[in-house]
Amino acid sequence: MDTVLEKTTATTTPVMLTESAVEQLNLIRQQENSPADYCLRVGVKGGGCSGFSYILGFDAPQENDDTFDTGGIRVIMNKAHAIYLLGMEVDFINGLDNRGFTFNNPNAESTCGCGTSFSA
């Protein structure tokens, strides 16, 4: 009796967006009138008070980008940034004390007080 093994591929989204982040990003996209082929770029760049700053904005896909979908938004990320961002959650806070995007990054060794830069 022959056994057939099924091969399954698990696709993980490297970065998650909360519902409130998706709502705010869709609003920003409408306000900026971003071109239809632009995706949400999530990444890092050198700088900030802790060493790295987050990149979050609408942009055209580039050659070294990975593309994935989260919360109905097409997201692009430079392949080299995955080591810093894998498992990160982007949220949007709209409170009396604080308003803006927050980054819950399990790869960050430390973050600064403003929450937009980190060290790895």
PDB file of N, CA and C in Angstrom:
ATOM      1  N   MET A   1       0.832  -1.169   0.000  1.00  0.00           N
ATOM      2  CA  MET A   1       0.000   0.000   0.000  1.00  0.00           C
ATOM      3  C   MET A   1       0.885   1.242   0.000  1.00  0.00           C
ATOM      4  N   ASP A   2       0.693   2.076  -0.992  1.00  0.00           N
ATOM      5  CA  ASP A   2       1.473   3.307  -1.104  1.00  0.00           C
ATOM      6  C   ASP A   2       0.818   4.413  -0.288  1.00  0.00           C
ATOM      7  N   THR A   3       1.657   5.204   0.350  1.00  0.00           N
ATOM      8  CA  THR A   3       1.167   6.335   1.126  1.00  0.00           C
ATOM      9  C   THR A   3       1.539   7.613   0.404  1.00  0.00           C
ATOM     10  N   VAL A   4       0.579   8.477   0.257  1.00  0.00           N
ATOM     11  CA  VAL A   4       0.819   9.761  -0.388  1.00  0.00           C
ATOM     12  C   VAL A   4       1.003  10.805   0.700  1.00  0.00           C
ATOM     13  N   LEU A   5       2.123  11.458   0.671  1.00  0.00           N
ATOM     14  CA  LEU A   5       2.392  12.522   1.635  1.00  0.00           C
ATOM     15  C   LEU A   5       2.019  13.850   1.010  1.00  0.00           C
ATOM     16  N   GLU A   6       1.231  14.595   1.725  1.00  0.00           N
ATOM     17  CA  GLU A   6       0.869  15.914   1.235  1.00  0.00           C
ATOM     18  C   GLU A   6       1.843  16.935   1.785  1.00  0.00           C
ATOM     19  N   LYS A   7       2.296  17.774   0.914  1.00  0.00           N
ATOM     20  CA  LYS A   7       3.225  18.824   1.328  1.00  0.00           C
ATOM     21  C   LYS A   7       2.420  20.108   1.501  1.00  0.00           C
ATOM     22  N   THR A   8       2.495  20.669   2.668  1.00  0.00           N
ATOM     23  CA  THR A   8       1.811  21.928   2.916  1.00  0.00           C
ATOM     24  C   THR A   8       2.843  23.005   3.186  1.00  0.00           C
ATOM     25  N   THR A   9       2.545  24.165   2.726  1.00  0.00           N
ATOM     26  CA  THR A   9       3.432  25.296   2.937  1.00  0.00           C
ATOM     27  C   THR A   9       2.723  26.312   3.818  1.00  0.00           C
ATOM     28  N   ALA A  10       3.310  26.615   4.923  1.00  0.00           N
ATOM     29  CA  ALA A  10       2.742  27.623   5.818  1.00  0.00           C
ATOM     30  C   ALA A  10       3.316  28.977   5.429  1.00  0.00           C
ATOM     31  N   THR A  11       2.431  29.891   5.160  1.00  0.00           N
ATOM     32  CA  THR A  11       2.869  31.224   4.814  1.00  0.00           C
ATOM     33  C   THR A  11       2.631  32.119   6.016  1.00  0.00           C
ATOM     34  N   THR A  12       3.679  32.707   6.527  1.00  0.00           N
ATOM     35  CA  THR A  12       3.541  33.603   7.664  1.00  0.00           C
ATOM     36  C   THR A  12       3.735  35.036   7.199  1.00  0.00           C
ATOM     37  N   THR A  13       2.950  35.901   7.761  1.00  0.00           N
ATOM     38  CA  THR A  13       3.072  37.316   7.478  1.00  0.00           C
ATOM     39  C   THR A  13       4.092  37.869   8.454  1.00  0.00           C
ATOM     40  N   PRO A  14       5.187  38.431   7.959  1.00  0.00           N
ATOM     41  CA  PRO A  14       6.241  38.883   8.871  1.00  0.00           C
ATOM     42  C   PRO A  14       5.827  40.028   9.784  1.00  0.00           C
ATOM     43  N   VAL A  15       4.892  40.862   9.333  1.00  0.00           N
ATOM     44  CA  VAL A  15       4.437  42.015  10.107  1.00  0.00           C
ATOM     45  C   VAL A  15       2.913  41.998  10.136  1.00  0.00           C
ATOM     46  N   MET A  16       2.350  42.199  11.309  1.00  0.00           N
ATOM     47  CA  MET A  16       0.896  42.221  11.465  1.00  0.00           C
ATOM     48  C   MET A  16       0.430  43.660  11.673  1.00  0.00           C
ATOM     49  N   LEU A  17      -0.764  43.967  11.184  1.00  0.00           N
ATOM     50  CA  LEU A  17      -1.397  45.262  11.391  1.00  0.00           C
ATOM     51  C   LEU A  17      -2.672  45.045  12.192  1.00  0.00           C
ATOM     52  N   THR A  18      -2.872  45.821  13.236  1.00  0.00           N
ATOM     53  CA  THR A  18      -4.109  45.721  13.996  1.00  0.00           C
ATOM     54  C   THR A  18      -5.243  46.356  13.196  1.00  0.00           C
ATOM     55  N   GLU A  19      -6.467  46.103  13.628  1.00  0.00           N
ATOM     56  CA  GLU A  19      -7.634  46.661  12.950  1.00  0.00           C
ATOM     57  C   GLU A  19      -7.595  48.188  12.955  1.00  0.00           C
ATOM     58  N   SER A  20      -7.198  48.789  14.077  1.00  0.00           N
ATOM     59  CA  SER A  20      -7.138  50.253  14.140  1.00  0.00           C
ATOM     60  C   SER A  20      -6.043  50.805  13.234  1.00  0.00           C
ATOM     61  N   ALA A  21      -4.934  50.073  13.086  1.00  0.00           N
ATOM     62  CA  ALA A  21      -3.878  50.508  12.170  1.00  0.00           C
ATOM     63  C   ALA A  21      -4.374  50.445  10.723  1.00  0.00           C
ATOM     64  N   VAL A  22      -5.082  49.380  10.370  1.00  0.00           N
ATOM     65  CA  VAL A  22      -5.619  49.234   9.007  1.00  0.00           C
ATOM     66  C   VAL A  22      -6.584  50.367   8.701  1.00  0.00           C
ATOM     67  N   GLU A  23      -7.474  50.681   9.648  1.00  0.00           N
ATOM     68  CA  GLU A  23      -8.431  51.775   9.446  1.00  0.00           C
ATOM     69  C   GLU A  23      -7.711  53.096   9.203  1.00  0.00           C
ATOM     70  N   GLN A  24      -6.711  53.401  10.022  1.00  0.00           N
ATOM     71  CA  GLN A  24      -5.977  54.658   9.885  1.00  0.00           C
ATOM     72  C   GLN A  24      -5.179  54.699   8.584  1.00  0.00           C
ATOM     73  N   LEU A  25      -4.557  53.576   8.215  1.00  0.00           N
ATOM     74  CA  LEU A  25      -3.781  53.527   6.971  1.00  0.00           C
ATOM     75  C   LEU A  25      -4.675  53.714   5.754  1.00  0.00           C
ATOM     76  N   ASN A  26      -5.867  53.119   5.778  1.00  0.00           N
ATOM     77  CA  ASN A  26      -6.796  53.323   4.665  1.00  0.00           C
ATOM     78  C   ASN A  26      -7.227  54.779   4.566  1.00  0.00           C
ATOM     79  N   LEU A  27      -7.428  55.427   5.708  1.00  0.00           N
ATOM     80  CA  LEU A  27      -7.779  56.849   5.731  1.00  0.00           C
ATOM     81  C   LEU A  27      -6.633  57.696   5.173  1.00  0.00           C
ATOM     82  N   ILE A  28      -5.414  57.410   5.601  1.00  0.00           N
ATOM     83  CA  ILE A  28      -4.240  58.147   5.107  1.00  0.00           C
ATOM     84  C   ILE A  28      -4.077  57.947   3.608  1.00  0.00           C
ATOM     85  N   ARG A  29      -4.262  56.722   3.150  1.00  0.00           N
ATOM     86  CA  ARG A  29      -4.133  56.422   1.713  1.00  0.00           C
ATOM     87  C   ARG A  29      -5.116  57.260   0.902  1.00  0.00           C
ATOM     88  N   GLN A  30      -6.349  57.378   1.381  1.00  0.00           N
ATOM     89  CA  GLN A  30      -7.357  58.190   0.694  1.00  0.00           C
ATOM     90  C   GLN A  30      -6.972  59.665   0.706  1.00  0.00           C
ATOM     91  N   GLN A  31      -6.530  60.155   1.863  1.00  0.00           N
ATOM     92  CA  GLN A  31      -6.167  61.561   2.000  1.00  0.00           C
ATOM     93  C   GLN A  31      -4.974  61.926   1.118  1.00  0.00           C
ATOM     94  N   GLU A  32      -3.995  61.016   1.012  1.00  0.00           N
ATOM     95  CA  GLU A  32      -2.805  61.272   0.203  1.00  0.00           C
ATOM     96  C   GLU A  32      -3.037  60.983  -1.266  1.00  0.00           C
ATOM     97  N   ASN A  33      -4.160  60.308  -1.576  1.00  0.00           N
ATOM     98  CA  ASN A  33      -4.466  59.923  -2.947  1.00  0.00           C
ATOM     99  C   ASN A  33      -3.304  59.140  -3.567  1.00  0.00           C
ATOM    100  N   SER A  34      -2.825  58.141  -2.827  1.00  0.00           N
ATOM    101  CA  SER A  34      -1.698  57.315  -3.273  1.00  0.00           C
ATOM    102  C   SER A  34      -2.071  56.548  -4.536  1.00  0.00           C
ATOM    103  N   PRO A  35      -1.131  56.391  -5.471  1.00  0.00           N
ATOM    104  CA  PRO A  35      -1.406  55.604  -6.684  1.00  0.00           C
ATOM    105  C   PRO A  35      -1.825  54.179  -6.331  1.00  0.00           C
ATOM    106  N   ALA A  36      -2.670  53.601  -7.135  1.00  0.00           N
ATOM    107  CA  ALA A  36      -3.237  52.269  -6.874  1.00  0.00           C
ATOM    108  C   ALA A  36      -2.169  51.185  -6.771  1.00  0.00           C
ATOM    109  N   ASP A  37      -1.035  51.357  -7.468  1.00  0.00           N
ATOM    110  CA  ASP A  37       0.004  50.325  -7.434  1.00  0.00           C
ATOM    111  C   ASP A  37       0.956  50.475  -6.250  1.00  0.00           C
ATOM    112  N   TYR A  38       0.769  51.499  -5.434  1.00  0.00           N
ATOM    113  CA  TYR A  38       1.607  51.668  -4.252  1.00  0.00           C
ATOM    114  C   TYR A  38       1.149  50.715  -3.149  1.00  0.00           C
ATOM    115  N   CYS A  39       2.107  50.258  -2.362  1.00  0.00           N
ATOM    116  CA  CYS A  39       1.870  49.373  -1.229  1.00  0.00           C
ATOM    117  C   CYS A  39       2.357  50.078   0.030  1.00  0.00           C
ATOM    118  N   LEU A  40       1.994  49.526   1.162  1.00  0.00           N
ATOM    119  CA  LEU A  40       2.499  50.057   2.424  1.00  0.00           C
ATOM    120  C   LEU A  40       3.907  49.525   2.638  1.00  0.00           C
ATOM    121  N   ARG A  41       4.874  50.423   2.704  1.00  0.00           N
ATOM    122  CA  ARG A  41       6.253  50.019   2.970  1.00  0.00           C
ATOM    123  C   ARG A  41       6.492  50.037   4.473  1.00  0.00           C
ATOM    124  N   VAL A  42       6.955  48.895   4.985  1.00  0.00           N
ATOM    125  CA  VAL A  42       7.361  48.773   6.377  1.00  0.00           C
ATOM    126  C   VAL A  42       8.842  48.419   6.350  1.00  0.00           C
ATOM    127  N   GLY A  43       9.638  49.159   7.105  1.00  0.00           N
ATOM    128  CA  GLY A  43      11.070  48.888   7.090  1.00  0.00           C
ATOM    129  C   GLY A  43      11.781  49.577   8.225  1.00  0.00           C
ATOM    130  N   VAL A  44      13.097  49.583   8.132  1.00  0.00           N
ATOM    131  CA  VAL A  44      13.941  50.244   9.112  1.00  0.00           C
ATOM    132  C   VAL A  44      14.990  51.078   8.385  1.00  0.00           C
ATOM    133  N   LYS A  45      15.501  52.070   9.091  1.00  0.00           N
ATOM    134  CA  LYS A  45      16.632  52.850   8.591  1.00  0.00           C
ATOM    135  C   LYS A  45      17.491  53.212   9.782  1.00  0.00           C
ATOM    136  N   GLY A  46      18.754  53.443   9.525  1.00  0.00           N
ATOM    137  CA  GLY A  46      19.663  53.843  10.588  1.00  0.00           C
ATOM    138  C   GLY A  46      19.291  55.218  11.098  1.00  0.00           C
ATOM    139  N   GLY A  47      19.385  55.399  12.394  1.00  0.00           N
ATOM    140  CA  GLY A  47      19.090  56.704  12.970  1.00  0.00           C
ATOM    141  C   GLY A  47      18.139  56.583  14.139  1.00  0.00           C
ATOM    142  N   GLY A  48      17.723  57.702  14.659  1.00  0.00           N
ATOM    143  CA  GLY A  48      16.869  57.705  15.839  1.00  0.00           C
ATOM    144  C   GLY A  48      17.725  57.620  17.077  1.00  0.00           C
ATOM    145  N   CYS A  49      17.114  57.795  18.220  1.00  0.00           N
ATOM    146  CA  CYS A  49      17.888  57.829  19.464  1.00  0.00           C
ATOM    147  C   CYS A  49      18.360  56.452  19.916  1.00  0.00           C
ATOM    148  N   SER A  50      17.844  55.364  19.334  1.00  0.00           N
ATOM    149  CA  SER A  50      18.264  54.032  19.758  1.00  0.00           C
ATOM    150  C   SER A  50      19.018  53.254  18.684  1.00  0.00           C
ATOM    151  N   GLY A  51      19.248  53.841  17.528  1.00  0.00           N
ATOM    152  CA  GLY A  51      20.027  53.161  16.488  1.00  0.00           C
ATOM    153  C   GLY A  51      19.287  52.920  15.189  1.00  0.00           C
ATOM    154  N   PHE A  52      18.015  52.495  15.263  1.00  0.00           N
ATOM    155  CA  PHE A  52      17.193  52.269  14.081  1.00  0.00           C
ATOM    156  C   PHE A  52      15.874  53.008  14.239  1.00  0.00           C
ATOM    157  N   SER A  53      15.335  53.486  13.119  1.00  0.00           N
ATOM    158  CA  SER A  53      13.997  54.073  13.096  1.00  0.00           C
ATOM    159  C   SER A  53      13.128  53.254  12.158  1.00  0.00           C
ATOM    160  N   TYR A  54      11.840  53.246  12.429  1.00  0.00           N
ATOM    161  CA  TYR A  54      10.898  52.526  11.583  1.00  0.00           C
ATOM    162  C   TYR A  54      10.520  53.354  10.366  1.00  0.00           C
ATOM    163  N   ILE A  55      10.275  52.670   9.259  1.00  0.00           N
ATOM    164  CA  ILE A  55       9.755  53.273   8.032  1.00  0.00           C
ATOM    165  C   ILE A  55       8.333  52.776   7.881  1.00  0.00           C
ATOM    166  N   LEU A  56       7.394  53.681   7.653  1.00  0.00           N
ATOM    167  CA  LEU A  56       6.004  53.328   7.441  1.00  0.00           C
ATOM    168  C   LEU A  56       5.407  54.357   6.495  1.00  0.00           C
ATOM    169  N   GLY A  57       5.072  53.948   5.270  1.00  0.00           N
ATOM    170  CA  GLY A  57       4.504  54.866   4.294  1.00  0.00           C
ATOM    171  C   GLY A  57       4.193  54.150   2.996  1.00  0.00           C
ATOM    172  N   PHE A  58       3.451  54.800   2.134  1.00  0.00           N
ATOM    173  CA  PHE A  58       3.076  54.192   0.859  1.00  0.00           C
ATOM    174  C   PHE A  58       4.148  54.452  -0.186  1.00  0.00           C
ATOM    175  N   ASP A  59       4.479  53.388  -0.947  1.00  0.00           N
ATOM    176  CA  ASP A  59       5.606  53.440  -1.864  1.00  0.00           C
ATOM    177  C   ASP A  59       5.404  52.397  -2.964  1.00  0.00           C
ATOM    178  N   ALA A  60       6.143  52.563  -4.051  1.00  0.00           N
ATOM    179  CA  ALA A  60       6.129  51.581  -5.143  1.00  0.00           C
ATOM    180  C   ALA A  60       7.055  50.420  -4.792  1.00  0.00           C
ATOM    181  N   PRO A  61       6.678  49.202  -5.134  1.00  0.00           N
ATOM    182  CA  PRO A  61       7.545  48.045  -4.881  1.00  0.00           C
ATOM    183  C   PRO A  61       8.886  48.188  -5.605  1.00  0.00           C
ATOM    184  N   GLN A  62       9.943  47.696  -4.950  1.00  0.00           N
ATOM    185  CA  GLN A  62      11.290  47.717  -5.506  1.00  0.00           C
ATOM    186  C   GLN A  62      11.768  46.278  -5.726  1.00  0.00           C
ATOM    187  N   GLU A  63      12.904  46.136  -6.392  1.00  0.00           N
ATOM    188  CA  GLU A  63      13.420  44.827  -6.766  1.00  0.00           C
ATOM    189  C   GLU A  63      13.662  43.888  -5.584  1.00  0.00           C
ATOM    190  N   ASN A  64      14.172  44.388  -4.466  1.00  0.00           N
ATOM    191  CA  ASN A  64      14.518  43.532  -3.323  1.00  0.00           C
ATOM    192  C   ASN A  64      13.409  43.423  -2.282  1.00  0.00           C
ATOM    193  N   ASP A  65      12.170  43.726  -2.657  1.00  0.00           N
ATOM    194  CA  ASP A  65      11.059  43.700  -1.713  1.00  0.00           C
ATOM    195  C   ASP A  65      10.348  42.355  -1.702  1.00  0.00           C
ATOM    196  N   ASP A  66       9.883  41.976  -0.526  1.00  0.00           N
ATOM    197  CA  ASP A  66       8.915  40.897  -0.374  1.00  0.00           C
ATOM    198  C   ASP A  66       7.558  41.570  -0.280  1.00  0.00           C
ATOM    199  N   THR A  67       6.536  40.925  -0.817  1.00  0.00           N
ATOM    200  CA  THR A  67       5.182  41.468  -0.781  1.00  0.00           C
ATOM    201  C   THR A  67       4.280  40.478  -0.061  1.00  0.00           C
ATOM    202  N   PHE A  68       3.430  40.984   0.806  1.00  0.00           N
ATOM    203  CA  PHE A  68       2.472  40.144   1.502  1.00  0.00           C
ATOM    204  C   PHE A  68       1.236  40.966   1.820  1.00  0.00           C
ATOM    205  N   ASP A  69       0.187  40.310   2.235  1.00  0.00           N
ATOM    206  CA  ASP A  69      -1.075  40.965   2.531  1.00  0.00           C
ATOM    207  C   ASP A  69      -1.400  40.773   4.006  1.00  0.00           C
ATOM    208  N   THR A  70      -1.775  41.849   4.655  1.00  0.00           N
ATOM    209  CA  THR A  70      -2.230  41.753   6.040  1.00  0.00           C
ATOM    210  C   THR A  70      -3.356  42.755   6.250  1.00  0.00           C
ATOM    211  N   GLY A  71      -4.462  42.275   6.738  1.00  0.00           N
ATOM    212  CA  GLY A  71      -5.605  43.147   6.993  1.00  0.00           C
ATOM    213  C   GLY A  71      -6.171  43.785   5.745  1.00  0.00           C
ATOM    214  N   GLY A  72      -5.972  43.159   4.586  1.00  0.00           N
ATOM    215  CA  GLY A  72      -6.469  43.722   3.336  1.00  0.00           C
ATOM    216  C   GLY A  72      -5.562  44.783   2.731  1.00  0.00           C
ATOM    217  N   ILE A  73      -4.397  44.978   3.306  1.00  0.00           N
ATOM    218  CA  ILE A  73      -3.441  45.970   2.787  1.00  0.00           C
ATOM    219  C   ILE A  73      -2.232  45.228   2.237  1.00  0.00           C
ATOM    220  N   ARG A  74      -1.837  45.572   1.012  1.00  0.00           N
ATOM    221  CA  ARG A  74      -0.614  44.999   0.441  1.00  0.00           C
ATOM    222  C   ARG A  74       0.580  45.693   1.075  1.00  0.00           C
ATOM    223  N   VAL A  75       1.466  44.899   1.641  1.00  0.00           N
ATOM    224  CA  VAL A  75       2.625  45.418   2.375  1.00  0.00           C
ATOM    225  C   VAL A  75       3.889  44.982   1.653  1.00  0.00           C
ATOM    226  N   ILE A  76       4.855  45.886   1.553  1.00  0.00           N
ATOM    227  CA  ILE A  76       6.163  45.565   0.985  1.00  0.00           C
ATOM    228  C   ILE A  76       7.226  45.822   2.041  1.00  0.00           C
ATOM    229  N   MET A  77       8.266  44.991   1.981  1.00  0.00           N
ATOM    230  CA  MET A  77       9.364  45.126   2.926  1.00  0.00           C
ATOM    231  C   MET A  77      10.637  44.655   2.238  1.00  0.00           C
ATOM    232  N   ASN A  78      11.685  45.428   2.356  1.00  0.00           N
ATOM    233  CA  ASN A  78      12.980  45.017   1.832  1.00  0.00           C
ATOM    234  C   ASN A  78      13.375  43.715   2.524  1.00  0.00           C
ATOM    235  N   LYS A  79      13.817  42.731   1.737  1.00  0.00           N
ATOM    236  CA  LYS A  79      14.154  41.412   2.286  1.00  0.00           C
ATOM    237  C   LYS A  79      15.175  41.498   3.417  1.00  0.00           C
ATOM    238  N   ALA A  80      16.093  42.439   3.345  1.00  0.00           N
ATOM    239  CA  ALA A  80      17.137  42.579   4.362  1.00  0.00           C
ATOM    240  C   ALA A  80      16.585  43.081   5.699  1.00  0.00           C
ATOM    241  N   HIS A  81      15.377  43.653   5.709  1.00  0.00           N
ATOM    242  CA  HIS A  81      14.810  44.205   6.942  1.00  0.00           C
ATOM    243  C   HIS A  81      14.077  43.155   7.761  1.00  0.00           C
ATOM    244  N   ALA A  82      13.825  41.987   7.188  1.00  0.00           N
ATOM    245  CA  ALA A  82      13.043  40.957   7.874  1.00  0.00           C
ATOM    246  C   ALA A  82      13.669  40.552   9.203  1.00  0.00           C
ATOM    247  N   ILE A  83      14.977  40.507   9.277  1.00  0.00           N
ATOM    248  CA  ILE A  83      15.652  40.107  10.517  1.00  0.00           C
ATOM    249  C   ILE A  83      15.294  41.040  11.674  1.00  0.00           C
ATOM    250  N   TYR A  84      14.994  42.292  11.370  1.00  0.00           N
ATOM    251  CA  TYR A  84      14.666  43.271  12.400  1.00  0.00           C
ATOM    252  C   TYR A  84      13.166  43.356  12.683  1.00  0.00           C
ATOM    253  N   LEU A  85      12.337  42.905  11.741  1.00  0.00           N
ATOM    254  CA  LEU A  85      10.901  43.147  11.835  1.00  0.00           C
ATOM    255  C   LEU A  85      10.026  41.908  11.967  1.00  0.00           C
ATOM    256  N   LEU A  86      10.576  40.731  11.826  1.00  0.00           N
ATOM    257  CA  LEU A  86       9.789  39.506  11.867  1.00  0.00           C
ATOM    258  C   LEU A  86       9.006  39.399  13.167  1.00  0.00           C
ATOM    259  N   GLY A  87       7.696  39.272  13.055  1.00  0.00           N
ATOM    260  CA  GLY A  87       6.838  39.152  14.232  1.00  0.00           C
ATOM    261  C   GLY A  87       6.348  40.471  14.799  1.00  0.00           C
ATOM    262  N   MET A  88       6.663  41.585  14.169  1.00  0.00           N
ATOM    263  CA  MET A  88       6.272  42.895  14.683  1.00  0.00           C
ATOM    264  C   MET A  88       4.788  43.167  14.435  1.00  0.00           C
ATOM    265  N   GLU A  89       4.172  43.875  15.370  1.00  0.00           N
ATOM    266  CA  GLU A  89       2.788  44.307  15.224  1.00  0.00           C
ATOM    267  C   GLU A  89       2.751  45.830  15.181  1.00  0.00           C
ATOM    268  N   VAL A  90       2.053  46.369  14.179  1.00  0.00           N
ATOM    269  CA  VAL A  90       1.867  47.812  14.063  1.00  0.00           C
ATOM    270  C   VAL A  90       0.443  48.124  14.506  1.00  0.00           C
ATOM    271  N   ASP A  91       0.313  49.059  15.426  1.00  0.00           N
ATOM    272  CA  ASP A  91      -0.997  49.442  15.955  1.00  0.00           C
ATOM    273  C   ASP A  91      -1.148  50.950  15.799  1.00  0.00           C
ATOM    274  N   PHE A  92      -2.388  51.423  15.922  1.00  0.00           N
ATOM    275  CA  PHE A  92      -2.641  52.860  15.926  1.00  0.00           C
ATOM    276  C   PHE A  92      -3.399  53.185  17.199  1.00  0.00           C
ATOM    277  N   ILE A  93      -2.842  54.103  17.976  1.00  0.00           N
ATOM    278  CA  ILE A  93      -3.428  54.527  19.245  1.00  0.00           C
ATOM    279  C   ILE A  93      -4.053  55.904  19.037  1.00  0.00           C
ATOM    280  N   ASN A  94      -5.289  56.063  19.486  1.00  0.00           N
ATOM    281  CA  ASN A  94      -5.964  57.354  19.363  1.00  0.00           C
ATOM    282  C   ASN A  94      -6.556  57.709  20.717  1.00  0.00           C
ATOM    283  N   GLY A  95      -5.668  58.065  21.644  1.00  0.00           N
ATOM    284  CA  GLY A  95      -6.100  58.371  23.005  1.00  0.00           C
ATOM    285  C   GLY A  95      -5.877  59.822  23.355  1.00  0.00           C
ATOM    286  N   LEU A  96      -6.249  60.169  24.556  1.00  0.00           N
ATOM    287  CA  LEU A  96      -6.067  61.543  25.030  1.00  0.00           C
ATOM    288  C   LEU A  96      -4.597  61.874  25.251  1.00  0.00           C
ATOM    289  N   ASP A  97      -3.835  60.897  25.741  1.00  0.00           N
ATOM    290  CA  ASP A  97      -2.432  61.123  26.054  1.00  0.00           C
ATOM    291  C   ASP A  97      -1.504  60.900  24.868  1.00  0.00           C
ATOM    292  N   ASN A  98      -1.934  60.045  23.945  1.00  0.00           N
ATOM    293  CA  ASN A  98      -1.037  59.642  22.866  1.00  0.00           C
ATOM    294  C   ASN A  98      -1.859  59.336  21.620  1.00  0.00           C
ATOM    295  N   ARG A  99      -1.343  59.742  20.461  1.00  0.00           N
ATOM    296  CA  ARG A  99      -2.008  59.462  19.191  1.00  0.00           C
ATOM    297  C   ARG A  99      -0.940  59.169  18.166  1.00  0.00           C
ATOM    298  N   GLY A 100      -1.055  58.016  17.504  1.00  0.00           N
ATOM    299  CA  GLY A 100      -0.110  57.680  16.450  1.00  0.00           C
ATOM    300  C   GLY A 100       0.125  56.189  16.354  1.00  0.00           C
ATOM    301  N   PHE A 101       0.994  55.824  15.436  1.00  0.00           N
ATOM    302  CA  PHE A 101       1.329  54.422  15.224  1.00  0.00           C
ATOM    303  C   PHE A 101       2.322  53.960  16.285  1.00  0.00           C
ATOM    304  N   THR A 102       2.131  52.740  16.751  1.00  0.00           N
ATOM    305  CA  THR A 102       3.054  52.133  17.693  1.00  0.00           C
ATOM    306  C   THR A 102       3.571  50.832  17.094  1.00  0.00           C
ATOM    307  N   PHE A 103       4.762  50.451  17.494  1.00  0.00           N
ATOM    308  CA  PHE A 103       5.431  49.284  16.949  1.00  0.00           C
ATOM    309  C   PHE A 103       5.784  48.336  18.095  1.00  0.00           C
ATOM    310  N   ASN A 104       5.156  47.169  18.108  1.00  0.00           N
ATOM    311  CA  ASN A 104       5.454  46.150  19.112  1.00  0.00           C
ATOM    312  C   ASN A 104       6.383  45.145  18.433  1.00  0.00           C
ATOM    313  N   ASN A 105       7.681  45.308  18.658  1.00  0.00           N
ATOM    314  CA  ASN A 105       8.692  44.547  17.942  1.00  0.00           C
ATOM    315  C   ASN A 105       9.416  43.595  18.892  1.00  0.00           C
ATOM    316  N   PRO A 106       9.190  42.283  18.728  1.00  0.00           N
ATOM    317  CA  PRO A 106       9.864  41.326  19.607  1.00  0.00           C
ATOM    318  C   PRO A 106      11.372  41.234  19.380  1.00  0.00           C
ATOM    319  N   ASN A 107      11.877  41.797  18.290  1.00  0.00           N
ATOM    320  CA  ASN A 107      13.303  41.760  17.979  1.00  0.00           C
ATOM    321  C   ASN A 107      14.077  42.927  18.570  1.00  0.00           C
ATOM    322  N   ALA A 108      13.373  43.906  19.098  1.00  0.00           N
ATOM    323  CA  ALA A 108      14.024  45.089  19.656  1.00  0.00           C
ATOM    324  C   ALA A 108      14.576  44.775  21.037  1.00  0.00           C
ATOM    325  N   GLU A 109      15.857  45.030  21.222  1.00  0.00           N
ATOM    326  CA  GLU A 109      16.469  44.847  22.539  1.00  0.00           C
ATOM    327  C   GLU A 109      16.060  45.979  23.468  1.00  0.00           C
ATOM    328  N   SER A 110      15.940  47.172  22.908  1.00  0.00           N
ATOM    329  CA  SER A 110      15.473  48.314  23.685  1.00  0.00           C
ATOM    330  C   SER A 110      14.827  49.306  22.727  1.00  0.00           C
ATOM    331  N   THR A 111      13.946  50.131  23.272  1.00  0.00           N
ATOM    332  CA  THR A 111      13.283  51.174  22.480  1.00  0.00           C
ATOM    333  C   THR A 111      13.449  52.492  23.208  1.00  0.00           C
ATOM    334  N   CYS A 112      13.302  53.568  22.457  1.00  0.00           N
ATOM    335  CA  CYS A 112      13.404  54.885  23.076  1.00  0.00           C
ATOM    336  C   CYS A 112      12.043  55.294  23.617  1.00  0.00           C
ATOM    337  N   GLY A 113      11.987  56.393  24.302  1.00  0.00           N
ATOM    338  CA  GLY A 113      10.753  56.877  24.898  1.00  0.00           C
ATOM    339  C   GLY A 113       9.689  57.222  23.881  1.00  0.00           C
ATOM    340  N   CYS A 114      10.110  57.668  22.686  1.00  0.00           N
ATOM    341  CA  CYS A 114       9.124  58.058  21.677  1.00  0.00           C
ATOM    342  C   CYS A 114       8.500  56.841  21.000  1.00  0.00           C
ATOM    343  N   GLY A 115       9.136  55.671  21.086  1.00  0.00           N
ATOM    344  CA  GLY A 115       8.574  54.458  20.532  1.00  0.00           C
ATOM    345  C   GLY A 115       8.781  54.271  19.044  1.00  0.00           C
ATOM    346  N   THR A 116       9.509  55.182  18.408  1.00  0.00           N
ATOM    347  CA  THR A 116       9.714  55.068  16.962  1.00  0.00           C
ATOM    348  C   THR A 116      11.136  54.666  16.603  1.00  0.00           C
ATOM    349  N   SER A 117      11.981  54.418  17.575  1.00  0.00           N
ATOM    350  CA  SER A 117      13.315  53.913  17.275  1.00  0.00           C
ATOM    351  C   SER A 117      13.663  52.816  18.274  1.00  0.00           C
ATOM    352  N   PHE A 118      14.612  51.967  17.866  1.00  0.00           N
ATOM    353  CA  PHE A 118      14.957  50.807  18.679  1.00  0.00           C
ATOM    354  C   PHE A 118      16.375  50.379  18.396  1.00  0.00           C
ATOM    355  N   SER A 119      16.887  49.508  19.248  1.00  0.00           N
ATOM    356  CA  SER A 119      18.175  48.876  18.999  1.00  0.00           C
ATOM    357  C   SER A 119      17.950  47.384  18.916  1.00  0.00           C
ATOM    358  N   ALA A 120      18.789  46.727  18.118  1.00  0.00           N
ATOM    359  CA  ALA A 120      18.630  45.282  17.918  1.00  0.00           C
ATOM    360  C   ALA A 120      19.918  44.567  18.276  1.00  0.00           C
TER     361      ALA A 120
END
